[in-house]
Protein backbone atom coordinates (compact mmCIF):
# COMPACT_ATOMS: atom_id res chain seq x y z
CA UNK A 1 0.00 0.46 -0.02
CA UNK A 2 1.08 3.73 -0.52
CA UNK A 3 2.23 5.69 2.38
CA UNK A 4 4.08 9.31 2.86
CA UNK A 5 5.84 10.00 5.74
CA UNK A 6 5.49 13.05 7.46
CA UNK A 7 7.74 15.33 9.56
CA UNK A 8 7.01 13.98 12.74
CA UNK A 9 7.78 9.60 11.44
CA UNK A 10 3.85 9.19 10.71
CA UNK A 11 3.03 7.45 8.27
CA UNK A 12 0.13 8.17 6.13
CA UNK A 13 -2.06 6.29 4.05
CA UNK A 14 -3.23 7.34 0.15
CA UNK A 15 -4.86 5.84 -2.44
CA UNK A 16 -4.34 7.76 -6.08
CA UNK A 17 -5.92 5.97 -9.06
CA UNK A 18 -7.75 7.27 -12.59
CA UNK A 19 -6.16 9.74 -14.90
CA UNK A 20 -6.67 13.58 -15.30
CA UNK A 21 -6.57 16.78 -13.20
CA UNK A 22 -6.39 15.85 -9.75
CA UNK A 23 -8.94 15.91 -6.74
CA UNK A 24 -8.48 15.25 -3.23
CA UNK A 25 -10.74 14.09 -0.77
CA UNK A 26 -10.86 14.35 2.61
CA UNK A 27 -12.77 12.24 4.92
CA UNK A 28 -15.24 12.78 8.06
CA UNK A 29 -14.25 11.47 11.57
CA UNK A 30 -14.12 8.44 12.32
CA UNK A 31 -13.57 7.11 9.07
CA UNK A 32 -11.64 6.51 6.36
CA UNK A 33 -10.48 7.19 2.14
CA UNK A 34 -12.79 4.27 1.58
CA UNK A 35 -15.71 6.76 2.83
CA UNK A 36 -14.95 8.39 -0.99
CA UNK A 37 -15.05 5.33 -2.92
CA UNK A 38 -18.36 5.90 -4.10
CA UNK A 39 -16.91 9.71 -5.72
CA UNK A 40 -14.21 8.36 -6.79
CA UNK A 41 -14.81 5.18 -8.75
CA UNK A 42 -17.01 7.86 -10.39
CA UNK A 43 -14.61 11.04 -11.44
CA UNK A 44 -12.10 7.88 -12.03
CA UNK A 45 -14.29 6.79 -15.02
CA UNK A 46 -15.02 10.79 -16.15
CA UNK A 47 -10.99 11.93 -16.50
CA UNK A 48 -9.85 12.40 -13.28
CA UNK A 49 -7.56 11.65 -11.61
CA UNK A 50 -8.47 10.57 -7.20
CA UNK A 51 -6.27 10.71 -4.43
CA UNK A 52 -7.62 9.81 -1.06
CA UNK A 53 -6.02 9.42 1.78
CA UNK A 54 -6.53 8.48 5.96
CA UNK A 55 -6.56 11.25 8.41
CA UNK A 56 -3.49 10.22 11.29
CA UNK A 57 -4.70 7.91 13.98
CA UNK A 58 -7.26 7.11 10.82
CA UNK A 59 -8.08 3.35 9.63
CA UNK A 60 -4.77 2.07 7.60
CA UNK A 61 -2.23 5.66 8.64
CA UNK A 62 -0.39 5.84 11.55
CA UNK A 63 -1.81 6.26 15.29
CA UNK A 64 0.15 8.91 17.01
CA UNK A 65 -0.17 10.05 20.46
CA UNK A 66 0.81 13.32 19.44
CA UNK A 67 -0.61 16.10 16.35
CA UNK A 68 -3.78 15.26 16.09
CA UNK A 69 -4.98 18.36 15.39
CA UNK A 70 -5.94 20.48 12.28
CA UNK A 71 -3.08 22.52 11.67
CA UNK A 72 -1.04 18.82 11.81
CA UNK A 73 -4.04 17.23 9.73
CA UNK A 74 -3.67 19.92 7.40
CA UNK A 75 0.80 20.36 7.13
CA UNK A 76 -0.05 16.09 6.33
CA UNK A 77 -2.06 16.58 3.31
CA UNK A 78 0.32 19.64 2.67
CA UNK A 79 3.47 16.98 2.67
CA UNK A 80 0.74 14.70 0.62
CA UNK A 81 0.26 17.67 -2.00
CA UNK A 82 4.15 17.91 -2.87
CA UNK A 83 5.09 14.30 -2.60
CA UNK A 84 2.66 14.09 -5.73
CA UNK A 85 3.99 17.18 -6.90
CA UNK A 86 -0.08 17.63 -7.49
CA UNK A 87 -1.22 21.29 -8.69
CA UNK A 88 -4.75 23.23 -9.51
CA UNK A 89 -5.61 21.01 -7.43
CA UNK A 90 -9.55 20.46 -6.58
CA UNK A 91 -9.54 19.43 -2.64
CA UNK A 92 -13.17 17.73 -1.65
CA UNK A 93 -13.79 17.63 2.07
CA UNK A 94 -16.82 15.83 3.88
CA UNK A 95 -17.39 17.13 7.88
CA UNK A 96 -14.17 16.69 9.57
CA UNK A 97 -12.54 16.40 6.12
CA UNK A 98 -13.85 20.35 5.13
CA UNK A 99 -12.51 21.68 9.28
CA UNK A 100 -9.08 20.53 7.22
CA UNK A 101 -9.79 21.48 4.10
CA UNK A 102 -9.99 24.92 5.31
CA UNK A 103 -7.15 24.61 7.05
CA UNK A 104 -5.01 23.57 4.00
CA UNK A 105 -5.86 26.75 2.73
CA UNK A 106 -5.45 28.68 5.66
CA UNK A 107 -1.84 27.87 6.50
CA UNK A 108 -0.71 27.02 2.69
CA UNK A 109 -3.00 28.91 0.91
CA UNK A 110 -4.13 27.84 -3.41
CA UNK A 111 -1.24 27.81 -5.03
CA UNK A 112 -1.51 24.02 -5.85
CA UNK A 113 -5.51 24.30 -5.70
CA UNK A 114 -8.05 24.91 -8.13
CA UNK A 115 -11.17 24.53 -6.44
CA UNK A 116 -13.04 23.55 -2.68
CA UNK A 117 -15.79 21.62 -2.36
CA UNK A 118 -17.26 21.69 1.82
CA UNK A 119 -19.98 18.71 1.97
CA UNK A 120 -21.27 18.65 5.05
CA UNK A 121 -18.61 20.24 6.39
CA UNK A 122 -17.87 21.50 10.06
CA UNK A 123 -16.73 24.77 9.75
CA UNK A 124 -17.19 28.07 9.94
CA UNK A 125 -16.75 26.15 14.46
CA UNK A 126 -19.15 23.17 15.86
CA UNK A 127 -18.79 24.99 19.64
CA UNK A 128 -21.08 27.17 20.57
CA UNK A 129 -19.47 29.86 22.61
CA UNK A 130 -20.09 33.83 22.93
CA UNK A 131 -18.31 34.64 19.47
CA UNK A 132 -20.78 31.09 18.03
CA UNK A 133 -23.71 31.67 19.64
CA UNK A 134 -25.49 29.15 16.56
CA UNK A 135 -23.09 26.34 17.60
CA UNK A 136 -23.76 22.67 19.85
CA UNK A 137 -23.16 23.55 22.84
CA UNK A 138 -19.88 21.90 25.09
CA UNK A 139 -22.17 19.38 26.30
CA UNK A 140 -23.15 17.39 23.08
CA UNK A 141 -19.19 16.45 22.56
CA UNK A 142 -18.59 15.42 26.15
CA UNK A 143 -21.53 13.02 25.60
CA UNK A 144 -19.19 11.88 22.15
CA UNK A 145 -16.03 11.62 24.20
CA UNK A 146 -17.87 9.56 26.63
CA UNK A 147 -19.85 7.17 24.28
CA UNK A 148 -16.49 6.44 22.78
CA UNK A 149 -14.31 5.49 26.04
CA UNK A 150 -17.26 3.56 27.68
CA UNK A 151 -17.82 1.60 24.47
CA UNK A 152 -16.68 3.07 21.04
CA UNK A 153 -17.77 -0.65 18.96
CA UNK A 154 -21.61 0.63 20.91
CA UNK A 155 -20.76 4.21 20.15
CA UNK A 156 -20.38 3.89 16.72
CA UNK A 157 -23.05 1.67 15.90
CA UNK A 158 -25.58 3.74 17.28
CA UNK A 159 -24.18 6.58 15.40
CA UNK A 160 -25.13 5.54 12.60
CA UNK A 161 -28.53 6.27 13.00
CA UNK A 162 -28.17 9.82 13.05
CA UNK A 163 -25.31 10.11 10.93
CA UNK A 164 -27.53 8.37 7.38
CA UNK A 165 -30.73 9.51 8.76
CA UNK A 166 -32.50 6.06 9.51
CA UNK A 167 -34.69 7.81 12.41
CA UNK A 168 -36.20 9.85 9.56
CA UNK A 169 -39.58 8.61 8.25
CA UNK A 170 -38.91 6.49 4.73
CA UNK A 171 -35.07 6.49 5.46
CA UNK A 172 -33.54 3.65 4.17
CA UNK A 173 -30.46 2.25 5.35
CA UNK A 174 -28.68 -1.29 4.72
CA UNK A 175 -27.23 -2.79 7.58
CA UNK A 176 -24.40 -3.22 5.22
CA UNK A 177 -24.16 0.36 5.31
CA UNK A 178 -24.11 0.66 8.61
CA UNK A 179 -21.66 -2.18 9.44
CA UNK A 180 -19.05 -0.36 7.31
CA UNK A 181 -19.05 2.87 8.68
CA UNK A 182 -18.30 0.60 11.89
CA UNK A 183 -15.69 -0.67 10.06
CA UNK A 184 -14.10 2.55 9.54
CA UNK A 185 -14.16 3.19 12.62
CA UNK A 186 -12.76 0.60 14.52
CA UNK A 187 -9.83 0.65 12.25
CA UNK A 188 -8.65 4.15 13.72
CA UNK A 189 -6.51 4.10 17.37
CA UNK A 190 -8.94 5.55 20.79
CA UNK A 191 -6.38 8.38 21.71
CA UNK A 192 -5.63 9.96 18.40
CA UNK A 193 -10.01 9.24 17.86
CA UNK A 194 -10.33 10.93 20.60
CA UNK A 195 -8.11 13.87 20.13
CA UNK A 196 -10.22 14.51 16.71
CA UNK A 197 -13.30 15.75 18.81
CA UNK A 198 -12.00 18.92 19.83
CA UNK A 199 -9.70 19.17 16.71
CA UNK A 200 -13.02 19.11 14.67
CA UNK A 201 -16.35 20.43 17.62
CA UNK A 202 -13.69 23.19 18.95
CA UNK A 203 -11.28 24.86 15.96
CA UNK A 204 -12.24 28.25 14.80
CA UNK A 205 -11.86 28.06 10.87
CA UNK A 206 -13.56 31.63 10.01
CA UNK A 207 -9.87 33.04 9.32
CA UNK A 208 -9.77 30.52 6.99
CA UNK A 209 -12.66 30.62 4.80
CA UNK A 210 -11.95 34.18 4.55
CA UNK A 211 -8.66 33.11 2.88
CA UNK A 212 -10.26 31.56 -0.10
CA UNK A 213 -9.68 32.47 -3.34
CA UNK A 214 -10.64 29.31 -5.14
CA UNK A 215 -14.69 28.78 -6.54
CA UNK A 216 -15.67 26.98 -3.82
CA UNK A 217 -18.53 24.44 -3.53
CA UNK A 218 -20.67 23.58 -0.48
CA UNK A 219 -22.99 21.24 -0.77
CA UNK A 220 -25.35 20.17 2.37
CA UNK A 221 -28.04 18.33 3.62
CA UNK A 222 -30.91 20.61 5.41
CA UNK A 223 -31.91 17.33 7.73
CA UNK A 224 -27.70 17.26 8.67
CA UNK A 225 -28.10 15.88 12.61
CA UNK A 226 -24.41 15.83 13.05
CA UNK A 227 -23.77 18.93 11.31
CA UNK A 228 -26.42 21.31 11.83
CA UNK A 229 -26.82 23.19 8.46
CA UNK A 230 -27.27 26.54 9.76
CA UNK A 231 -24.48 27.37 11.71
CA UNK A 232 -21.55 25.44 9.28
CA UNK A 233 -22.87 24.88 6.01
CA UNK A 234 -24.91 28.42 5.39
CA UNK A 235 -22.93 30.18 7.69
CA UNK A 236 -19.13 29.55 5.62
CA UNK A 237 -21.00 30.60 2.61
CA UNK A 238 -21.51 33.96 3.78
CA UNK A 239 -17.81 33.19 4.65
CA UNK A 240 -16.61 32.70 1.50
CA UNK A 241 -16.13 34.87 -0.90
CA UNK A 242 -18.30 33.73 -4.51
CA UNK A 243 -19.41 30.63 -3.26
CA UNK A 244 -22.13 28.74 -3.70
CA UNK A 245 -24.51 27.28 -0.99
CA UNK A 246 -26.38 23.60 -2.46
CA UNK A 247 -28.64 22.79 0.49
CA UNK A 248 -29.90 19.16 -0.60
CA UNK A 249 -33.57 18.75 1.09
CA UNK A 250 -33.84 16.04 3.81
CA UNK A 251 -30.59 15.40 3.33
CA UNK A 252 -28.06 13.77 6.21
CA UNK A 253 -25.06 13.81 7.07
CA UNK A 254 -24.04 11.17 5.04
CA UNK A 255 -24.55 12.66 1.52
CA UNK A 256 -21.77 10.30 -0.21
CA UNK A 257 -23.61 7.41 0.60
CA UNK A 258 -27.49 8.28 0.84
CA UNK A 259 -27.39 10.97 -1.79
CA UNK A 260 -24.13 9.79 -3.94
CA UNK A 261 -26.01 9.59 -7.29
CA UNK A 262 -26.84 13.37 -6.53
CA UNK A 263 -23.32 13.68 -5.20
CA UNK A 264 -21.48 12.70 -7.62
CA UNK A 265 -23.56 14.53 -10.69
CA UNK A 266 -22.82 18.28 -8.66
CA UNK A 267 -19.20 17.51 -8.21
CA UNK A 268 -18.64 16.45 -11.82
CA UNK A 269 -20.48 19.36 -12.83
CA UNK A 270 -18.79 21.81 -10.42
CA UNK A 271 -15.12 19.85 -11.46
CA UNK A 272 -15.83 20.60 -15.07
CA UNK A 273 -17.64 24.28 -14.80
């Protein structure tokens, strides 16, 4: 399997498929690059080179004790860009991965970036603060930490219900989809996954979003029970100059799976536009 080694010696796994203009994918918590395979196969068949990595602490990448925060996540991704000499790449990020994309642009700029897509992404900030009254209270994230610490296997199984909107009328979420989520989550290291909860919930990406200077598409489900749209997608669209916000009616957090045909078509149109 292909890996790069970061400055602190952490091995980062990645997959690199197809030929053509490059598109990178950053996954959500607690998942892996595999969460993007429906989009990657589709775009590779449509003339794109698609690249996705397992974030440090997740999946097949190394599980370091330290560095499990957004600055290092962004630097790891920058190291992958440099190792593969990516130029004019489009960046796609879901949930925590959307924060990773935002921090990458905030720290490293858009010298190697042509476009950006945020899908159900955590920016500008998930945590409720005086400056972010629409966010979620700390008790929500403390509950996630407790669930992962007490019994992460069962917690990940239970999380699939709100993640994919399985608790909504008419929802059809297969056991296979739930099992695939659970499997990806269990591949990560406990310490890095716990650290990542702080990273995705408390990091303020406001200034990062203001640095976006490439065409940006923001996609969000209006029934996202994990990252509510008002404090995230809608707020980010106001901070990124010229961004396009596309709302999926009744869309859950798991758009890459539950709305894969629509998402694939929207990505292809945006990348070719």
